Amino acid sequence: MTPLWRNRDFVLLWSGQVVSTLGARMSATAMPLLVLAMTGSPADAGLVGAAATLPYLIGHLPAGPLVDRWDRRRILLLSEVTAGLVLATVPIALWLDALTVAHLAVAAFAQGLCFVFFGLAESAALPMIVPAGQVHRAIAQNEVRERGAALAGGPLGGLLFGLDRALPFAVDALSYAAASIALLFLRGNLRPEPTAPPEPLWRATRTGLRWIRRQPLIRAAILLTAVSNLVFQALGLVLVVLARDGGATAGEIGVMLGVYAGGGLAGAVAAGTLHRLLPDRTVIIGVVWFWAALLPLFLLADGPWQLGAIAAGCAFAGPVWNVVIVGYCALLTPNELLGRVTSASMTLSWGVMPVGSLLAGLLLAAAGPGPAVLVLAAIMLAAAVGALRVAR
């Protein structure tokens, strides 16, 4: 078997996404800072965050059947090009002094929709690029890619924003261009195998949901993942406001988010080994209890470094969870159904993210960051108690 790092198409895809993800993390760090600088309103920041994640709720189900029908290489390329063009409008509007919150919300929504199509196409293409025996390792390397880019992207986004508010978004647009060039050199056939005439789109969207309904462990894991995604989507904005209210600068907030991401990178490096040592049920239940224990500690933190350290502990467990669930699903699902099954699971588990952003904005505006942390900790504790049902 060819070693993973000698697989030309995997290396091209992985390398291009390192650059693209780094740029996306920079702009994601800068986006709430920009909204807060423009309006001073956490509710507006939550609204823009909700717009960015709304495609996770409404885009995954229809996108899944399309990924199973269309050439996945074209979907990957079109998603990157479109996202880059959209992000380029943000620095242009800033330089022209014409940027509005509505513009940011539309740009964030479009970027999120491109992310949905790209993510589904990449998940469906991965088993066509690497052998079955290397799928778990490839997913683990993708986790390293995501977490490593987040580690660097947070501090860089904060630093660039401190120099010029437009810079993180301009760099992100260029990163999409670089990733698009890498995709042009993929040589493998990423077209789905031809099957019978495709079923109607709405019926096709239900195929993935029916498959998930027959998989008890994955069904339970998706529900728990949905709760954790809601909590951590809200937590990102809560941490930014908590640090800002404590006097942290944009650069210090970026470093805090970088420390947060560093925990995820360490977890991604360890995930390739841990997923082989720990039973799936142990990972699914144990991670939720781990998070429930850490969240209240944010109330005791003093300054951005301590906030980042606690968040890094939370982030460490995420990649192990992802490798177990995504790898299990990728190997169990027939490739011709993979786009639909992945889209259904993403709709259920990621569709709560806009609710998390709105919840964060409303809690911060109504009660402040301290009570917001308490609410998020209570939600995670309830999920941890519910996770015990999986062990039965």
Protein backbone atom coordinates (compact mmCIF):
# COMPACT_ATOMS: atom_id res chain seq x y z
CA MET A 1 0.00 0.00 0.00
CA THR A 2 1.35 3.43 -0.97
CA PRO A 3 2.16 5.55 2.12
CA LEU A 4 -0.39 8.30 2.69
CA TRP A 5 2.15 11.09 2.21
CA ARG A 6 3.16 9.66 -1.17
CA ASN A 7 -0.43 9.80 -2.38
CA ARG A 8 -0.21 12.78 -4.75
CA ASP A 9 -3.91 13.69 -4.78
CA PHE A 10 -4.24 13.49 -1.00
CA VAL A 11 -1.18 15.69 -0.51
CA LEU A 12 -2.49 18.27 -3.00
CA LEU A 13 -5.92 18.38 -1.40
CA TRP A 14 -4.51 18.47 2.13
CA SER A 15 -1.90 21.16 1.36
CA GLY A 16 -4.35 23.43 -0.42
CA GLN A 17 -6.74 23.19 2.49
CA VAL A 18 -4.03 24.07 4.99
CA VAL A 19 -3.75 27.45 3.26
CA SER A 20 -7.49 27.89 2.80
CA THR A 21 -8.33 26.90 6.37
CA LEU A 22 -5.65 29.21 7.74
CA GLY A 23 -7.22 32.12 5.88
CA ALA A 24 -10.71 31.15 7.01
CA ARG A 25 -9.58 31.04 10.64
CA MET A 26 -8.09 34.51 10.31
CA SER A 27 -11.33 35.98 9.00
CA ALA A 28 -13.40 34.01 11.55
CA THR A 29 -11.33 35.58 14.35
CA ALA A 30 -11.66 39.03 12.84
CA MET A 31 -15.39 38.86 12.04
CA PRO A 32 -16.81 39.33 15.58
CA LEU A 33 -14.10 41.87 16.34
CA LEU A 34 -15.13 43.83 13.26
CA VAL A 35 -18.83 43.76 14.14
CA LEU A 36 -18.12 44.79 17.72
CA ALA A 37 -15.88 47.62 16.46
CA MET A 38 -18.58 48.80 14.03
CA THR A 39 -21.64 48.62 16.32
CA GLY A 40 -20.49 47.63 19.83
CA SER A 41 -23.36 45.14 19.90
CA PRO A 42 -22.87 41.46 20.89
CA ALA A 43 -26.33 40.81 19.45
CA ASP A 44 -25.14 42.00 16.02
CA ALA A 45 -22.06 39.80 16.33
CA GLY A 46 -24.30 36.86 17.18
CA LEU A 47 -26.50 37.64 14.18
CA VAL A 48 -23.54 37.58 11.78
CA GLY A 49 -22.32 34.37 13.40
CA ALA A 50 -25.76 32.84 12.91
CA ALA A 51 -25.73 33.86 9.24
CA ALA A 52 -22.38 32.08 8.79
CA THR A 53 -23.72 28.83 10.23
CA LEU A 54 -27.29 28.96 8.87
CA PRO A 55 -26.21 26.94 5.77
CA TYR A 56 -25.36 24.06 8.11
CA LEU A 57 -29.08 23.84 8.89
CA ILE A 58 -30.66 24.52 5.49
CA GLY A 59 -27.89 23.55 3.05
CA HIS A 60 -26.70 20.09 4.02
CA LEU A 61 -29.76 18.03 3.12
CA PRO A 62 -30.16 19.30 -0.46
CA ALA A 63 -26.39 19.44 -0.99
CA GLY A 64 -25.87 15.77 -0.10
CA PRO A 65 -27.78 14.26 -3.06
CA LEU A 66 -26.11 16.74 -5.41
CA VAL A 67 -22.66 15.67 -4.18
CA ASP A 68 -23.66 12.06 -4.93
CA ARG A 69 -24.62 13.06 -8.51
CA TRP A 70 -22.05 15.66 -9.59
CA ASP A 71 -18.32 15.51 -10.19
CA ARG A 72 -16.86 16.09 -6.74
CA ARG A 73 -13.74 17.75 -8.15
CA ARG A 74 -15.88 20.47 -9.75
CA ILE A 75 -17.80 20.99 -6.52
CA LEU A 76 -14.55 21.41 -4.58
CA LEU A 77 -13.19 23.93 -7.08
CA LEU A 78 -16.39 25.93 -7.49
CA SER A 79 -16.84 26.15 -3.72
CA GLU A 80 -13.34 27.58 -3.19
CA VAL A 81 -13.56 30.07 -6.06
CA THR A 82 -16.97 31.36 -4.98
CA ALA A 83 -15.96 31.74 -1.34
CA GLY A 84 -12.83 33.67 -2.34
CA LEU A 85 -14.77 36.09 -4.53
CA VAL A 86 -17.34 36.70 -1.80
CA LEU A 87 -14.72 37.35 0.89
CA ALA A 88 -12.91 39.80 -1.41
CA THR A 89 -15.95 42.11 -1.23
CA VAL A 90 -15.42 42.70 2.52
CA PRO A 91 -12.03 44.49 2.38
CA ILE A 92 -13.14 46.37 -0.73
CA ALA A 93 -16.24 47.67 1.09
CA LEU A 94 -14.12 48.54 4.13
CA TRP A 95 -11.66 50.53 2.04
CA LEU A 96 -14.57 52.35 0.39
CA ASP A 97 -16.16 53.01 3.81
CA ALA A 98 -19.32 51.24 2.61
CA LEU A 99 -19.38 48.12 4.80
CA THR A 100 -22.56 47.30 6.75
CA VAL A 101 -23.58 44.53 9.13
CA ALA A 102 -26.01 43.29 6.47
CA HIS A 103 -23.12 42.97 3.99
CA LEU A 104 -21.12 40.97 6.53
CA ALA A 105 -24.11 38.70 7.21
CA VAL A 106 -24.58 37.98 3.50
CA ALA A 107 -20.86 37.34 2.98
CA ALA A 108 -20.77 35.06 6.02
CA PHE A 109 -23.80 33.13 4.76
CA ALA A 110 -22.28 32.65 1.30
CA GLN A 111 -18.98 31.49 2.79
CA GLY A 112 -20.84 29.04 5.02
CA LEU A 113 -22.79 27.63 2.06
CA CYS A 114 -19.56 27.08 0.12
CA PHE A 115 -18.12 25.36 3.19
CA VAL A 116 -21.10 22.98 3.27
CA PHE A 117 -20.64 21.91 -0.36
CA PHE A 118 -16.87 21.64 -0.01
CA GLY A 119 -17.02 19.62 3.19
CA LEU A 120 -19.52 17.12 1.79
CA ALA A 121 -17.59 16.75 -1.46
CA GLU A 122 -14.31 16.26 0.39
CA SER A 123 -15.83 13.61 2.70
CA ALA A 124 -17.27 11.73 -0.26
CA ALA A 125 -14.05 12.05 -2.30
CA LEU A 126 -11.68 10.93 0.47
CA PRO A 127 -12.48 7.18 0.19
CA MET A 128 -11.89 7.53 -3.58
CA ILE A 129 -8.47 9.12 -3.01
CA VAL A 130 -7.07 6.89 -0.23
CA PRO A 131 -7.43 3.11 0.34
CA ALA A 132 -9.94 1.90 2.94
CA GLY A 133 -7.14 0.98 5.33
CA GLN A 134 -5.92 4.58 5.38
CA VAL A 135 -9.27 6.37 5.76
CA HIS A 136 -9.04 6.78 9.56
CA ARG A 137 -5.48 8.06 9.26
CA ALA A 138 -6.45 10.49 6.48
CA ILE A 139 -9.30 11.83 8.62
CA ALA A 140 -6.90 12.23 11.53
CA GLN A 141 -4.50 14.17 9.29
CA ASN A 142 -7.38 16.40 8.21
CA GLU A 143 -8.06 17.04 11.89
CA VAL A 144 -4.40 18.04 12.32
CA ARG A 145 -4.80 20.35 9.33
CA GLU A 146 -7.91 22.00 10.76
CA ARG A 147 -6.54 22.38 14.26
CA GLY A 148 -3.10 23.53 13.14
CA ALA A 149 -4.62 26.20 10.93
CA ALA A 150 -6.82 27.31 13.81
CA LEU A 151 -3.78 27.50 16.09
CA ALA A 152 -2.02 29.91 13.74
CA GLY A 153 -5.13 31.58 12.35
CA GLY A 154 -6.41 33.01 15.64
CA PRO A 155 -3.28 34.99 16.56
CA LEU A 156 -2.65 36.00 12.94
CA GLY A 157 -6.25 37.14 12.51
CA GLY A 158 -6.04 39.25 15.66
CA LEU A 159 -2.65 40.67 14.67
CA LEU A 160 -3.73 41.57 11.13
CA PHE A 161 -6.98 43.09 12.41
CA GLY A 162 -4.94 45.26 14.77
CA LEU A 163 -2.88 46.52 11.81
CA ASP A 164 -5.79 47.08 9.44
CA ARG A 165 -9.37 45.83 9.80
CA ALA A 166 -9.48 44.78 6.13
CA LEU A 167 -6.28 42.68 6.16
CA PRO A 168 -7.64 39.35 7.57
CA PHE A 169 -10.37 39.27 4.94
CA ALA A 170 -8.03 40.18 2.07
CA VAL A 171 -5.64 37.40 3.13
CA ASP A 172 -8.54 34.94 3.36
CA ALA A 173 -9.61 35.76 -0.20
CA LEU A 174 -6.06 35.10 -1.42
CA SER A 175 -5.95 31.80 0.50
CA TYR A 176 -9.01 30.58 -1.38
CA ALA A 177 -7.27 31.42 -4.64
CA ALA A 178 -4.21 29.39 -3.64
CA ALA A 179 -6.34 26.39 -2.66
CA SER A 180 -8.21 26.59 -5.97
CA ILE A 181 -4.93 26.35 -7.87
CA ALA A 182 -3.99 23.20 -5.93
CA LEU A 183 -7.32 21.60 -6.82
CA LEU A 184 -6.63 22.09 -10.53
CA PHE A 185 -3.83 19.52 -10.30
CA LEU A 186 -5.89 16.65 -8.87
CA ARG A 187 -5.70 13.71 -11.30
CA GLY A 188 -7.93 11.01 -9.80
CA ASN A 189 -11.47 10.31 -10.97
CA LEU A 190 -13.81 11.81 -8.36
CA ARG A 191 -17.05 11.23 -10.25
CA PRO A 192 -19.65 9.06 -8.45
CA GLU A 193 -20.31 5.66 -10.01
CA PRO A 194 -23.28 5.86 -12.40
CA THR A 195 -26.41 4.27 -10.97
CA ALA A 196 -30.06 4.03 -11.92
CA PRO A 197 -31.85 7.29 -12.76
CA PRO A 198 -31.54 9.50 -9.67
CA GLU A 199 -34.50 9.69 -7.35
CA PRO A 200 -36.22 13.06 -6.86
CA LEU A 201 -34.21 15.49 -4.77
CA TRP A 202 -36.57 15.56 -1.78
CA ARG A 203 -36.77 11.77 -1.67
CA ALA A 204 -32.98 11.60 -1.93
CA THR A 205 -32.59 13.89 1.08
CA ARG A 206 -34.54 11.39 3.19
CA THR A 207 -32.29 8.48 2.21
CA GLY A 208 -29.53 9.59 4.55
CA LEU A 209 -31.97 10.17 7.42
CA ARG A 210 -33.40 6.66 6.99
CA TRP A 211 -29.90 5.15 7.07
CA ILE A 212 -29.02 7.02 10.28
CA ARG A 213 -32.24 5.88 11.92
CA ARG A 214 -31.06 2.27 11.59
CA GLN A 215 -27.69 2.98 13.31
CA PRO A 216 -28.32 3.39 17.10
CA LEU A 217 -24.77 4.37 18.11
CA ILE A 218 -24.39 6.95 15.35
CA ARG A 219 -27.89 8.29 16.04
CA ALA A 220 -27.04 8.85 19.71
CA ALA A 221 -23.64 10.33 18.85
CA ILE A 222 -25.21 12.80 16.41
CA LEU A 223 -27.64 14.01 19.09
CA LEU A 224 -24.82 14.52 21.59
CA THR A 225 -22.70 16.21 18.92
CA ALA A 226 -25.56 18.59 18.18
CA VAL A 227 -25.69 19.69 21.82
CA SER A 228 -21.92 20.13 22.03
CA ASN A 229 -21.86 22.08 18.75
CA LEU A 230 -24.54 24.44 20.07
CA VAL A 231 -22.56 25.01 23.27
CA PHE A 232 -19.18 25.57 21.62
CA GLN A 233 -20.58 27.76 18.85
CA ALA A 234 -21.99 30.02 21.56
CA LEU A 235 -18.84 29.75 23.66
CA GLY A 236 -16.62 31.26 20.96
CA LEU A 237 -18.40 34.63 21.09
CA VAL A 238 -18.77 34.45 24.88
CA LEU A 239 -14.99 34.05 25.27
CA VAL A 240 -14.30 37.00 22.97
CA VAL A 241 -16.63 39.26 24.96
CA LEU A 242 -15.36 37.90 28.30
CA ALA A 243 -11.77 38.68 27.31
CA ARG A 244 -12.66 42.07 25.83
CA ASP A 245 -14.57 43.09 28.95
CA GLY A 246 -11.47 42.11 30.93
CA GLY A 247 -9.39 44.60 28.95
CA ALA A 248 -7.78 42.26 26.40
CA THR A 249 -6.65 43.77 23.09
CA ALA A 250 -7.48 42.32 19.66
CA GLY A 251 -4.03 40.75 19.53
CA GLU A 252 -4.45 39.16 22.98
CA ILE A 253 -7.86 37.81 21.99
CA GLY A 254 -6.25 36.31 18.90
CA VAL A 255 -3.58 34.66 21.06
CA MET A 256 -6.30 33.33 23.37
CA LEU A 257 -8.07 31.76 20.41
CA GLY A 258 -4.74 30.41 19.22
CA VAL A 259 -4.18 28.70 22.59
CA TYR A 260 -7.73 27.34 22.30
CA ALA A 261 -6.87 25.92 18.90
CA GLY A 262 -3.58 24.55 20.21
CA GLY A 263 -5.53 22.15 22.40
CA GLY A 264 -7.37 20.97 19.31
CA LEU A 265 -4.09 20.46 17.46
CA ALA A 266 -2.70 18.36 20.31
CA GLY A 267 -5.89 16.34 20.30
CA ALA A 268 -5.69 15.86 16.54
CA VAL A 269 -2.11 14.57 16.82
CA ALA A 270 -3.19 12.14 19.53
CA ALA A 271 -6.43 11.12 17.82
CA GLY A 272 -4.80 8.68 15.42
CA THR A 273 -3.59 6.61 18.40
CA LEU A 274 -6.40 7.19 20.89
CA HIS A 275 -9.15 6.05 18.54
CA ARG A 276 -7.45 2.64 18.37
CA LEU A 277 -7.04 2.37 22.15
CA LEU A 278 -10.48 3.49 23.33
CA PRO A 279 -13.83 1.84 22.54
CA ASP A 280 -16.26 4.00 20.60
CA ARG A 281 -18.76 4.13 23.46
CA THR A 282 -16.07 5.24 25.89
CA VAL A 283 -15.11 8.14 23.61
CA ILE A 284 -18.69 9.24 22.99
CA ILE A 285 -19.68 9.24 26.67
CA GLY A 286 -16.39 10.26 28.24
CA VAL A 287 -15.82 13.32 26.06
CA VAL A 288 -19.18 14.85 26.98
CA TRP A 289 -18.51 14.43 30.72
CA PHE A 290 -15.04 15.89 30.24
CA TRP A 291 -16.54 19.00 28.66
CA ALA A 292 -19.20 19.27 31.38
CA ALA A 293 -16.43 19.32 34.02
CA LEU A 294 -14.35 22.00 32.28
CA LEU A 295 -16.97 24.58 31.28
CA PRO A 296 -17.65 26.00 34.79
CA LEU A 297 -13.93 26.73 35.16
CA PHE A 298 -14.27 29.67 32.75
CA LEU A 299 -15.93 31.57 35.60
CA LEU A 300 -12.71 31.27 37.63
CA ALA A 301 -10.33 32.33 34.85
CA ASP A 302 -8.32 35.53 35.20
CA GLY A 303 -7.36 36.99 31.83
CA PRO A 304 -7.15 35.69 28.25
CA TRP A 305 -4.33 33.20 28.92
CA GLN A 306 -6.31 31.27 31.50
CA LEU A 307 -9.42 31.41 29.33
CA GLY A 308 -7.41 30.03 26.42
CA ALA A 309 -5.89 27.26 28.55
CA ILE A 310 -9.30 26.00 29.73
CA ALA A 311 -10.65 26.22 26.19
CA ALA A 312 -7.62 24.26 24.97
CA GLY A 313 -8.57 21.45 27.34
CA CYS A 314 -12.05 21.40 25.82
CA ALA A 315 -10.64 21.42 22.30
CA PHE A 316 -8.28 18.49 22.96
CA ALA A 317 -11.13 15.99 23.13
CA GLY A 318 -12.89 17.10 19.93
CA PRO A 319 -10.64 15.47 17.31
CA VAL A 320 -10.82 12.04 18.98
CA TRP A 321 -14.60 12.29 18.86
CA ASN A 322 -14.50 13.33 15.19
CA VAL A 323 -12.14 10.56 14.11
CA VAL A 324 -14.28 7.90 15.79
CA ILE A 325 -17.60 9.11 14.40
CA VAL A 326 -16.53 10.27 10.94
CA GLY A 327 -14.32 7.24 10.33
CA TYR A 328 -16.99 4.80 11.46
CA CYS A 329 -19.57 6.45 9.22
CA ALA A 330 -17.25 6.67 6.20
CA LEU A 331 -16.35 2.97 6.34
CA LEU A 332 -19.85 1.71 7.08
CA THR A 333 -21.69 3.75 4.44
CA PRO A 334 -21.68 2.70 0.76
CA ASN A 335 -19.83 5.38 -1.21
CA GLU A 336 -22.81 6.05 -3.48
CA LEU A 337 -24.77 7.06 -0.33
CA LEU A 338 -21.97 8.85 1.47
CA GLY A 339 -22.93 12.36 0.40
CA ARG A 340 -26.54 11.88 1.49
CA VAL A 341 -25.69 10.21 4.79
CA THR A 342 -23.04 12.82 5.62
CA SER A 343 -25.41 15.65 4.72
CA ALA A 344 -28.13 14.22 6.95
CA SER A 345 -25.78 13.81 9.90
CA MET A 346 -24.35 17.30 9.39
CA THR A 347 -27.83 18.81 9.22
CA LEU A 348 -28.72 17.20 12.53
CA SER A 349 -25.44 17.89 14.32
CA TRP A 350 -24.35 21.22 12.78
CA GLY A 351 -27.79 22.71 12.12
CA VAL A 352 -27.91 23.95 15.72
CA MET A 353 -24.92 26.27 15.21
CA PRO A 354 -26.94 29.34 14.15
CA VAL A 355 -29.04 28.80 17.28
CA GLY A 356 -25.81 28.77 19.30
CA SER A 357 -24.68 32.07 17.80
CA LEU A 358 -28.04 33.71 18.41
CA LEU A 359 -28.17 32.28 21.93
CA ALA A 360 -24.75 33.73 22.70
CA GLY A 361 -25.70 37.17 21.41
CA LEU A 362 -28.96 37.22 23.37
CA LEU A 363 -27.39 35.93 26.60
CA LEU A 364 -24.54 38.43 26.38
CA ALA A 365 -26.86 41.33 25.66
CA ALA A 366 -29.32 40.39 28.41
CA ALA A 367 -27.11 39.10 31.22
CA GLY A 368 -23.42 39.33 30.33
CA PRO A 369 -20.70 36.71 29.84
CA GLY A 370 -20.75 35.20 33.37
CA PRO A 371 -24.40 34.07 33.30
CA ALA A 372 -23.92 32.98 29.69
CA VAL A 373 -21.17 30.57 30.79
CA LEU A 374 -23.47 29.17 33.49
CA VAL A 375 -26.23 28.48 30.96
CA LEU A 376 -23.83 26.75 28.56
CA ALA A 377 -22.37 24.65 31.39
CA ALA A 378 -25.87 23.56 32.45
CA ILE A 379 -26.71 22.50 28.88
CA MET A 380 -23.53 20.42 28.65
CA LEU A 381 -24.19 18.78 32.02
CA ALA A 382 -27.66 17.77 30.84
CA ALA A 383 -26.08 16.24 27.71
CA ALA A 384 -23.56 14.35 29.84
CA VAL A 385 -26.36 12.85 31.94
CA GLY A 386 -28.19 11.90 28.76
CA ALA A 387 -25.01 10.30 27.37
CA LEU A 388 -25.22 7.62 30.05
CA ARG A 389 -28.19 6.18 28.15
CA VAL A 390 -25.79 5.21 25.37
CA ALA A 391 -23.98 2.86 27.74
CA ARG A 392 -27.06 0.77 28.37
